[in-house]
Amino acid sequence: AFSHDLTQLALGLGDNTVKIWDASSGDGECLSTLQGYSFYVKSVAFSYDLTRLALGSGDNTAKIWDASSSECLSTLDGHSSYINSVAFSYNSTRLASGLADNTVKIWDASSSEYLSTLQSYSFYVHSMAFSHDLIRLASGSGDNTVKI
């Protein structure tokens, strides 16, 4: 994922880490490496305010990291299966995690408090995006449906 100001690029790698590169200079300098996963990271999202980075992994964990210090701020507990997708709301107050158990979990992105679960899927959720007015969440599922 690119940061919204296009200065950083974060990618999950096969060695269960996420590397963050400088995307503005063109030299490809690695700025930091995020570790602490027992399975590869499947999804990466920068918050729109550029302060945080959310990572969803195949080890059933979602973590929120400080984008400037690379410190893990919180682990979102309560995922029963691997996380295919993470997405911040446009105002960076909410985080959605799309799971292989056919659900989407909604979290308070600041406090890491669990808020709700969306369960109307017949297959895993692999992509999501919040509307800019913060009212809707679009999600794509492996059953070839998009739900809003």
C-alpha atoms as a PDB file:
ATOM      1  CA  ALA A   1       0.000   0.000   0.000  1.00  0.00           C
ATOM      2  CA  PHE A   2       1.132   3.522  -0.724  1.00  0.00           C
ATOM      3  CA  SER A   3       0.694   6.194   1.916  1.00  0.00           C
ATOM      4  CA  HIS A   4      -1.914   8.744   0.833  1.00  0.00           C
ATOM      5  CA  ASP A   5       0.764  11.388   0.295  1.00  0.00           C
ATOM      6  CA  LEU A   6       2.703   8.871  -1.873  1.00  0.00           C
ATOM      7  CA  THR A   7       5.905   9.210   0.174  1.00  0.00           C
ATOM      8  CA  GLN A   8       5.968   5.655   1.555  1.00  0.00           C
ATOM      9  CA  LEU A   9       5.260   2.165   0.275  1.00  0.00           C
ATOM     10  CA  ALA A  10       4.537  -0.726   2.665  1.00  0.00           C
ATOM     11  CA  LEU A  11       4.444  -4.344   1.509  1.00  0.00           C
ATOM     12  CA  GLY A  12       4.032  -7.666   3.290  1.00  0.00           C
ATOM     13  CA  LEU A  13       6.750 -10.162   2.381  1.00  0.00           C
ATOM     14  CA  GLY A  14       7.039 -13.943   2.438  1.00  0.00           C
ATOM     15  CA  ASP A  15       9.323 -13.840   5.489  1.00  0.00           C
ATOM     16  CA  ASN A  16       6.370 -12.690   7.679  1.00  0.00           C
ATOM     17  CA  THR A  17       7.570  -9.082   7.812  1.00  0.00           C
ATOM     18  CA  VAL A  18       6.396  -5.799   6.360  1.00  0.00           C
ATOM     19  CA  LYS A  19       8.945  -3.451   4.876  1.00  0.00           C
ATOM     20  CA  ILE A  20       8.332   0.267   4.478  1.00  0.00           C
ATOM     21  CA  TRP A  21      10.224   2.023   1.700  1.00  0.00           C
ATOM     22  CA  ASP A  22      10.795   5.651   0.829  1.00  0.00           C
ATOM     23  CA  ALA A  23       8.653   6.131  -2.282  1.00  0.00           C
ATOM     24  CA  SER A  24       9.388   9.816  -2.788  1.00  0.00           C
ATOM     25  CA  SER A  25      13.108   9.841  -3.523  1.00  0.00           C
ATOM     26  CA  GLY A  26      13.262   7.038  -6.065  1.00  0.00           C
ATOM     27  CA  ASP A  27      16.243   5.356  -4.390  1.00  0.00           C
ATOM     28  CA  GLY A  28      14.130   2.604  -2.794  1.00  0.00           C
ATOM     29  CA  GLU A  29      15.593   3.057   0.679  1.00  0.00           C
ATOM     30  CA  CYS A  30      14.052   0.729   3.272  1.00  0.00           C
ATOM     31  CA  LEU A  31      12.876   2.931   6.140  1.00  0.00           C
ATOM     32  CA  SER A  32      11.810   0.190   8.538  1.00  0.00           C
ATOM     33  CA  THR A  33      10.885  -3.464   8.943  1.00  0.00           C
ATOM     34  CA  LEU A  34       7.854  -4.494  11.001  1.00  0.00           C
ATOM     35  CA  GLN A  35       8.053  -7.913  12.639  1.00  0.00           C
ATOM     36  CA  GLY A  36       6.025 -10.020  15.037  1.00  0.00           C
ATOM     37  CA  TYR A  37       3.932 -12.257  12.816  1.00  0.00           C
ATOM     38  CA  SER A  38       3.955 -16.049  12.617  1.00  0.00           C
ATOM     39  CA  PHE A  39       2.421 -16.051   9.120  1.00  0.00           C
ATOM     40  CA  TYR A  40       2.683 -13.680   6.194  1.00  0.00           C
ATOM     41  CA  VAL A  41       0.884 -10.340   6.196  1.00  0.00           C
ATOM     42  CA  LYS A  42      -1.973 -10.403   3.692  1.00  0.00           C
ATOM     43  CA  SER A  43      -3.144  -6.786   3.856  1.00  0.00           C
ATOM     44  CA  VAL A  44      -1.632  -3.374   4.537  1.00  0.00           C
ATOM     45  CA  ALA A  45      -3.371   0.020   4.849  1.00  0.00           C
ATOM     46  CA  PHE A  46      -2.153   3.474   5.811  1.00  0.00           C
ATOM     47  CA  SER A  47      -4.535   5.713   7.739  1.00  0.00           C
ATOM     48  CA  TYR A  48      -5.604   8.782   5.771  1.00  0.00           C
ATOM     49  CA  ASP A  49      -4.071  11.054   8.404  1.00  0.00           C
ATOM     50  CA  LEU A  50      -0.733   9.238   7.777  1.00  0.00           C
ATOM     51  CA  THR A  51      -0.163   8.483  11.476  1.00  0.00           C
ATOM     52  CA  ARG A  52      -0.874   4.746  11.511  1.00  0.00           C
ATOM     53  CA  LEU A  53      -0.477   1.587   9.508  1.00  0.00           C
ATOM     54  CA  ALA A  54      -2.836  -1.404   9.843  1.00  0.00           C
ATOM     55  CA  LEU A  55      -1.655  -4.908   9.002  1.00  0.00           C
ATOM     56  CA  GLY A  56      -3.782  -8.044   8.671  1.00  0.00           C
ATOM     57  CA  SER A  57      -2.120 -11.447   8.772  1.00  0.00           C
ATOM     58  CA  GLY A  58      -2.682 -15.113   8.111  1.00  0.00           C
ATOM     59  CA  ASP A  59      -1.936 -15.740  11.803  1.00  0.00           C
ATOM     60  CA  ASN A  60      -5.393 -14.278  12.655  1.00  0.00           C
ATOM     61  CA  THR A  61      -3.991 -11.001  13.976  1.00  0.00           C
ATOM     62  CA  ALA A  62      -4.504  -7.402  12.976  1.00  0.00           C
ATOM     63  CA  LYS A  63      -2.111  -4.848  14.381  1.00  0.00           C
ATOM     64  CA  ILE A  64      -1.973  -1.070  14.285  1.00  0.00           C
ATOM     65  CA  TRP A  65       1.502   0.459  14.035  1.00  0.00           C
ATOM     66  CA  ASP A  66       2.748   4.014  14.450  1.00  0.00           C
ATOM     67  CA  ALA A  67       3.719   5.072  10.922  1.00  0.00           C
ATOM     68  CA  SER A  68       6.617   7.270  11.997  1.00  0.00           C
ATOM     69  CA  SER A  69       8.200   5.296  14.856  1.00  0.00           C
ATOM     70  CA  SER A  70       7.316   1.769  13.591  1.00  0.00           C
ATOM     71  CA  GLU A  71       6.097   0.914  17.103  1.00  0.00           C
ATOM     72  CA  CYS A  72       3.211  -1.541  17.451  1.00  0.00           C
ATOM     73  CA  LEU A  73       0.400   0.440  19.081  1.00  0.00           C
ATOM     74  CA  SER A  74      -2.155  -2.342  19.484  1.00  0.00           C
ATOM     75  CA  THR A  75      -3.257  -5.818  18.494  1.00  0.00           C
ATOM     76  CA  LEU A  76      -6.931  -6.200  17.620  1.00  0.00           C
ATOM     77  CA  ASP A  77      -8.032  -9.344  19.434  1.00  0.00           C
ATOM     78  CA  GLY A  78     -11.004 -11.456  18.428  1.00  0.00           C
ATOM     79  CA  HIS A  79     -10.306 -12.639  14.894  1.00  0.00           C
ATOM     80  CA  SER A  80     -11.234 -16.301  14.436  1.00  0.00           C
ATOM     81  CA  SER A  81      -9.585 -16.713  11.034  1.00  0.00           C
ATOM     82  CA  TYR A  82      -6.983 -15.111   8.832  1.00  0.00           C
ATOM     83  CA  ILE A  83      -7.403 -11.532   7.736  1.00  0.00           C
ATOM     84  CA  ASN A  84      -7.583 -10.893   4.002  1.00  0.00           C
ATOM     85  CA  SER A  85      -8.132  -7.152   4.050  1.00  0.00           C
ATOM     86  CA  VAL A  86      -7.878  -4.093   6.282  1.00  0.00           C
ATOM     87  CA  ALA A  87      -9.207  -0.596   5.532  1.00  0.00           C
ATOM     88  CA  PHE A  88      -9.261   2.690   7.443  1.00  0.00           C
ATOM     89  CA  SER A  89     -12.194   5.078   7.206  1.00  0.00           C
ATOM     90  CA  TYR A  90     -11.505   8.378   5.470  1.00  0.00           C
ATOM     91  CA  ASN A  91     -11.286  10.264   8.788  1.00  0.00           C
ATOM     92  CA  SER A  92      -9.044   7.503  10.233  1.00  0.00           C
ATOM     93  CA  THR A  93     -11.424   6.817  13.159  1.00  0.00           C
ATOM     94  CA  ARG A  94     -12.594   3.352  12.074  1.00  0.00           C
ATOM     95  CA  LEU A  95     -10.821   0.242  10.839  1.00  0.00           C
ATOM     96  CA  ALA A  96     -12.478  -2.680   9.077  1.00  0.00           C
ATOM     97  CA  SER A  97     -10.953  -6.151   8.889  1.00  0.00           C
ATOM     98  CA  GLY A  98     -12.219  -8.632   6.289  1.00  0.00           C
ATOM     99  CA  LEU A  99     -11.855 -12.249   7.331  1.00  0.00           C
ATOM    100  CA  ALA A 100     -11.687 -15.726   5.865  1.00  0.00           C
ATOM    101  CA  ASP A 101     -14.597 -16.732   8.141  1.00  0.00           C
ATOM    102  CA  ASN A 102     -16.913 -14.681   5.869  1.00  0.00           C
ATOM    103  CA  THR A 103     -17.243 -11.696   8.209  1.00  0.00           C
ATOM    104  CA  VAL A 104     -16.111  -8.089   8.510  1.00  0.00           C
ATOM    105  CA  LYS A 105     -15.208  -6.677  11.906  1.00  0.00           C
ATOM    106  CA  ILE A 106     -15.377  -2.944  12.615  1.00  0.00           C
ATOM    107  CA  TRP A 107     -13.016  -1.378  15.172  1.00  0.00           C
ATOM    108  CA  ASP A 108     -12.421   2.014  16.738  1.00  0.00           C
ATOM    109  CA  ALA A 109      -9.023   2.812  15.204  1.00  0.00           C
ATOM    110  CA  SER A 110      -7.895   4.979  18.128  1.00  0.00           C
ATOM    111  CA  SER A 111      -8.878   2.840  21.114  1.00  0.00           C
ATOM    112  CA  SER A 112      -8.771  -0.545  19.273  1.00  0.00           C
ATOM    113  CA  GLU A 113     -12.216  -1.269  20.724  1.00  0.00           C
ATOM    114  CA  TYR A 114     -14.297  -3.849  18.842  1.00  0.00           C
ATOM    115  CA  LEU A 115     -17.534  -2.238  17.584  1.00  0.00           C
ATOM    116  CA  SER A 116     -19.468  -4.710  15.407  1.00  0.00           C
ATOM    117  CA  THR A 117     -19.436  -7.649  12.991  1.00  0.00           C
ATOM    118  CA  LEU A 118     -21.031  -7.805   9.541  1.00  0.00           C
ATOM    119  CA  GLN A 119     -22.015 -11.399   8.703  1.00  0.00           C
ATOM    120  CA  SER A 120     -23.996 -11.552   5.458  1.00  0.00           C
ATOM    121  CA  TYR A 121     -21.306 -13.218   3.351  1.00  0.00           C
ATOM    122  CA  SER A 122     -21.188 -16.764   1.977  1.00  0.00           C
ATOM    123  CA  PHE A 123     -17.448 -16.682   1.272  1.00  0.00           C
ATOM    124  CA  TYR A 124     -14.345 -14.853   2.522  1.00  0.00           C
ATOM    125  CA  VAL A 125     -14.099 -11.061   2.323  1.00  0.00           C
ATOM    126  CA  HIS A 126     -11.071  -9.975   0.305  1.00  0.00           C
ATOM    127  CA  SER A 127     -11.441  -6.232  -0.270  1.00  0.00           C
ATOM    128  CA  MET A 128     -13.068  -3.241   1.409  1.00  0.00           C
ATOM    129  CA  ALA A 129     -13.323   0.542   1.175  1.00  0.00           C
ATOM    130  CA  PHE A 130     -15.140   3.135   3.278  1.00  0.00           C
ATOM    131  CA  SER A 131     -17.053   5.928   1.544  1.00  0.00           C
ATOM    132  CA  HIS A 132     -15.655   9.410   2.147  1.00  0.00           C
ATOM    133  CA  ASP A 133     -18.877  10.442   3.913  1.00  0.00           C
ATOM    134  CA  LEU A 134     -18.201   7.655   6.485  1.00  0.00           C
ATOM    135  CA  ILE A 135     -21.697   6.219   6.062  1.00  0.00           C
ATOM    136  CA  ARG A 136     -20.985   3.189   3.881  1.00  0.00           C
ATOM    137  CA  LEU A 137     -18.498   0.344   3.635  1.00  0.00           C
ATOM    138  CA  ALA A 138     -18.166  -1.507   0.340  1.00  0.00           C
ATOM    139  CA  SER A 139     -16.845  -5.053   0.548  1.00  0.00           C
ATOM    140  CA  GLY A 140     -15.968  -7.631  -2.070  1.00  0.00           C
ATOM    141  CA  SER A 141     -16.292 -11.331  -1.336  1.00  0.00           C
ATOM    142  CA  GLY A 142     -15.025 -14.563  -2.850  1.00  0.00           C
ATOM    143  CA  ASP A 143     -18.646 -15.409  -3.712  1.00  0.00           C
ATOM    144  CA  ASN A 144     -18.423 -12.762  -6.490  1.00  0.00           C
ATOM    145  CA  THR A 145     -20.607 -10.251  -4.663  1.00  0.00           C
ATOM    146  CA  VAL A 146     -20.090  -6.670  -3.570  1.00  0.00           C
ATOM    147  CA  LYS A 147     -22.045  -5.511  -0.539  1.00  0.00           C
ATOM    148  CA  ILE A 148     -22.554  -1.944   0.659  1.00  0.00           C
END
